[in-house]
Amino acid sequence: MGYRVMLRRLRAADEDEFVRLAEQSMRLHADWVRTPADPEAFREYLAGFADPAIGEALLIRRADTGGIAGHATLTGIVRGPYDRAVLGFAAFTPSRGQGFMTEGIGLTVRYALGPLGLHRVEADVQPDNEPSRRLVQRLDFRLEGLSPGFINIGGLWRDHERWAITAGMTGALPPCEAHLMP
């Protein structure tokens, strides 16, 4: 548990609240991320995270209300000499701009670099996505480069900056124990 947020795995019981928030946030997410906004898409999304060895879908919940502030994913988990994952994240409209995501993503990174035993977490951010750029900067991710036409979002191949943080760079992360809530 963080100071203002809790982190836990996404589960089937979250469907109604998650889908409602995703529907409310479609304009916010339009060019940045595809969040499942109907029950069928949610179930397919959740099924894609059935094996936590290759990826995890996490909820960032507000400690005061228990409501979902946003979500994060750790995908492309590779063990061995890489020990890395790719971080994805999105806020939901009712909680955006209130700092919940900074703390929640900080907890997600602490979880990845701690209990999951990873060495590196990478985040791919579109150059025009200022809120996400500021978030990774606040957490001391380092900018490693630009990949033109890197990820297909909404049928368009979009440029992305590649940001990363390693186990030795965690000074700006929230000073709280990173563990998943039941």
Protein backbone atom coordinates (compact mmCIF):
# COMPACT_ATOMS: atom_id res chain seq x y z
CA MET A 1 0.00 0.00 0.00
CA GLY A 2 1.21 3.46 -0.80
CA TYR A 3 0.23 6.64 0.92
CA ARG A 4 -2.73 7.37 -1.36
CA VAL A 5 -3.00 4.30 -3.59
CA MET A 6 -3.05 0.52 -3.45
CA LEU A 7 -1.80 -1.80 -6.15
CA ARG A 8 -3.40 -5.13 -6.99
CA ARG A 9 -3.89 -7.51 -9.88
CA LEU A 10 -6.81 -6.95 -12.20
CA ARG A 11 -9.52 -9.60 -11.82
CA ALA A 12 -12.87 -10.54 -13.33
CA ALA A 13 -14.80 -8.84 -10.52
CA ASP A 14 -13.37 -5.47 -11.67
CA GLU A 15 -15.13 -5.65 -15.03
CA ASP A 16 -18.09 -3.31 -14.39
CA GLU A 17 -16.08 -0.49 -12.78
CA PHE A 18 -13.16 -0.84 -15.21
CA VAL A 19 -15.40 -0.80 -18.32
CA ARG A 20 -17.43 2.16 -17.00
CA LEU A 21 -14.24 4.16 -16.35
CA ALA A 22 -12.74 3.15 -19.70
CA GLU A 23 -15.89 4.36 -21.47
CA GLN A 24 -15.70 7.69 -19.57
CA SER A 25 -12.02 8.00 -20.50
CA MET A 26 -12.20 7.26 -24.24
CA ARG A 27 -11.47 10.86 -25.24
CA LEU A 28 -8.56 11.01 -22.80
CA HIS A 29 -7.06 7.76 -24.11
CA ALA A 30 -7.92 8.31 -27.81
CA ASP A 31 -4.45 8.73 -29.30
CA TRP A 32 -2.37 7.25 -26.51
CA VAL A 33 -3.60 3.82 -25.46
CA ARG A 34 -6.31 1.26 -26.15
CA THR A 35 -8.12 0.40 -22.93
CA PRO A 36 -10.87 -2.25 -23.14
CA ALA A 37 -14.14 -0.31 -22.97
CA ASP A 38 -16.72 -3.10 -23.28
CA PRO A 39 -17.25 -6.37 -21.40
CA GLU A 40 -16.02 -8.64 -24.19
CA ALA A 41 -12.86 -6.61 -24.73
CA PHE A 42 -12.25 -6.57 -20.97
CA ARG A 43 -12.52 -10.36 -20.75
CA GLU A 44 -10.11 -10.81 -23.67
CA TYR A 45 -7.72 -8.32 -22.09
CA LEU A 46 -7.85 -10.11 -18.73
CA ALA A 47 -7.35 -13.51 -20.39
CA GLY A 48 -4.14 -12.16 -21.95
CA PHE A 49 -2.69 -11.89 -18.44
CA ALA A 50 -3.54 -15.43 -17.29
CA ASP A 51 0.16 -16.30 -17.03
CA PRO A 52 1.92 -13.79 -14.73
CA ALA A 53 5.29 -15.13 -15.90
CA ILE A 54 4.82 -13.26 -19.18
CA GLY A 55 2.77 -10.25 -18.08
CA GLU A 56 0.70 -8.65 -15.34
CA ALA A 57 -2.27 -6.29 -15.40
CA LEU A 58 -2.48 -4.17 -12.26
CA LEU A 59 -5.02 -1.76 -10.86
CA ILE A 60 -4.10 1.45 -9.12
CA ARG A 61 -6.83 1.99 -6.52
CA ARG A 62 -7.36 5.07 -4.41
CA ALA A 63 -6.81 4.34 -0.71
CA ASP A 64 -9.47 6.85 0.37
CA THR A 65 -12.39 5.58 -1.76
CA GLY A 66 -11.19 2.23 -3.09
CA GLY A 67 -12.07 3.45 -6.59
CA ILE A 68 -9.87 2.68 -9.58
CA ALA A 69 -7.60 5.62 -10.43
CA GLY A 70 -5.86 3.89 -13.33
CA HIS A 71 -4.14 0.76 -14.47
CA ALA A 72 -0.68 -0.49 -15.33
CA THR A 73 0.73 -3.43 -17.22
CA LEU A 74 4.05 -5.19 -17.12
CA THR A 75 4.39 -7.05 -20.42
CA GLY A 76 7.10 -8.63 -22.49
CA ILE A 77 8.71 -9.99 -19.35
CA VAL A 78 12.02 -11.57 -20.29
CA ARG A 79 14.16 -13.41 -17.77
CA GLY A 80 17.79 -14.40 -17.89
CA PRO A 81 20.32 -11.84 -19.03
CA TYR A 82 17.59 -9.22 -19.66
CA ASP A 83 15.35 -9.48 -16.56
CA ARG A 84 13.13 -6.75 -17.92
CA ALA A 85 9.53 -5.79 -18.62
CA VAL A 86 7.71 -3.13 -20.61
CA LEU A 87 5.48 -0.83 -18.57
CA GLY A 88 2.17 0.46 -19.88
CA PHE A 89 -0.20 2.71 -17.95
CA ALA A 90 -3.26 4.91 -18.18
CA ALA A 91 -5.21 7.10 -15.78
CA PHE A 92 -8.98 7.20 -15.76
CA THR A 93 -10.58 10.61 -16.26
CA PRO A 94 -12.08 11.07 -12.76
CA SER A 95 -8.65 10.70 -11.12
CA ARG A 96 -6.32 12.29 -13.66
CA GLY A 97 -4.00 15.09 -12.66
CA GLN A 98 -4.19 14.32 -8.92
CA GLY A 99 -0.91 12.44 -8.44
CA PHE A 100 -2.44 8.99 -8.01
CA MET A 101 -0.75 7.68 -11.14
CA THR A 102 2.72 8.91 -10.14
CA GLU A 103 2.47 7.03 -6.88
CA GLY A 104 0.82 4.00 -8.50
CA ILE A 105 3.41 3.72 -11.26
CA GLY A 106 6.14 4.18 -8.65
CA LEU A 107 4.65 1.22 -6.75
CA THR A 108 4.40 -0.77 -9.97
CA VAL A 109 8.08 -0.18 -10.69
CA ARG A 110 9.07 -1.04 -7.10
CA TYR A 111 7.04 -4.25 -7.44
CA ALA A 112 8.74 -5.11 -10.75
CA LEU A 113 12.25 -4.37 -9.47
CA GLY A 114 11.60 -5.95 -6.07
CA PRO A 115 9.27 -8.93 -5.67
CA LEU A 116 9.26 -9.76 -9.40
CA GLY A 117 13.06 -9.71 -9.39
CA LEU A 118 13.49 -7.69 -12.59
CA HIS A 119 16.49 -5.47 -13.27
CA ARG A 120 14.93 -3.10 -15.81
CA VAL A 121 11.55 -1.56 -16.61
CA GLU A 122 11.02 0.18 -19.94
CA ALA A 123 8.26 2.64 -20.86
CA ASP A 124 7.41 3.68 -24.42
CA VAL A 125 5.82 7.15 -24.52
CA GLN A 126 4.62 9.14 -27.50
CA PRO A 127 6.57 12.42 -27.71
CA ASP A 128 3.39 14.53 -27.59
CA ASN A 129 2.00 12.76 -24.52
CA GLU A 130 3.15 15.37 -21.99
CA PRO A 131 1.38 13.92 -18.93
CA SER A 132 3.06 10.53 -19.42
CA ARG A 133 6.42 12.12 -20.22
CA ARG A 134 6.25 14.19 -17.02
CA LEU A 135 5.27 11.10 -15.00
CA VAL A 136 8.26 9.01 -16.11
CA GLN A 137 10.53 12.03 -15.62
CA ARG A 138 9.24 12.52 -12.04
CA LEU A 139 10.15 8.89 -11.32
CA ASP A 140 13.67 9.37 -12.75
CA PHE A 141 13.32 7.16 -15.81
CA ARG A 142 16.03 8.07 -18.30
CA LEU A 143 15.32 8.87 -21.94
CA GLU A 144 17.16 6.36 -24.12
CA GLY A 145 16.01 7.26 -27.59
CA LEU A 146 13.26 7.70 -30.17
CA SER A 147 11.77 4.86 -32.20
CA PRO A 148 9.92 6.14 -35.30
CA GLY A 149 6.75 4.25 -36.22
CA PHE A 150 7.23 1.98 -33.20
CA ILE A 151 3.72 1.03 -31.97
CA ASN A 152 0.43 0.73 -33.84
CA ILE A 153 -2.31 2.56 -31.96
CA GLY A 154 -5.67 3.07 -33.59
CA GLY A 155 -4.37 1.89 -36.96
CA LEU A 156 -1.45 4.36 -37.04
CA TRP A 157 2.20 3.54 -36.49
CA ARG A 158 3.25 6.11 -33.92
CA ASP A 159 6.67 7.33 -32.84
CA HIS A 160 7.63 6.58 -29.24
CA GLU A 161 10.37 7.70 -26.91
CA ARG A 162 11.98 4.85 -25.03
CA TRP A 163 12.38 5.50 -21.31
CA ALA A 164 13.89 3.09 -18.77
CA ILE A 165 14.70 2.66 -15.12
CA THR A 166 16.91 0.00 -13.56
CA ALA A 167 17.16 -1.45 -10.07
CA GLY A 168 19.94 0.99 -9.16
CA MET A 169 17.91 4.10 -10.10
CA THR A 170 15.00 3.96 -7.63
CA GLY A 171 15.64 7.11 -5.58
CA ALA A 172 12.60 9.02 -6.86
CA LEU A 173 10.13 6.18 -6.39
CA PRO A 174 7.55 6.45 -3.60
CA PRO A 175 9.11 5.54 -0.24
CA CYS A 176 6.76 2.72 0.58
CA GLU A 177 6.77 -1.05 0.44
CA ALA A 178 5.67 -2.34 -2.94
CA HIS A 179 3.42 -5.34 -2.67
CA LEU A 180 0.17 -6.37 -4.17
CA MET A 181 -2.98 -6.12 -2.12
CA PRO A 182 -5.27 -9.17 -2.02
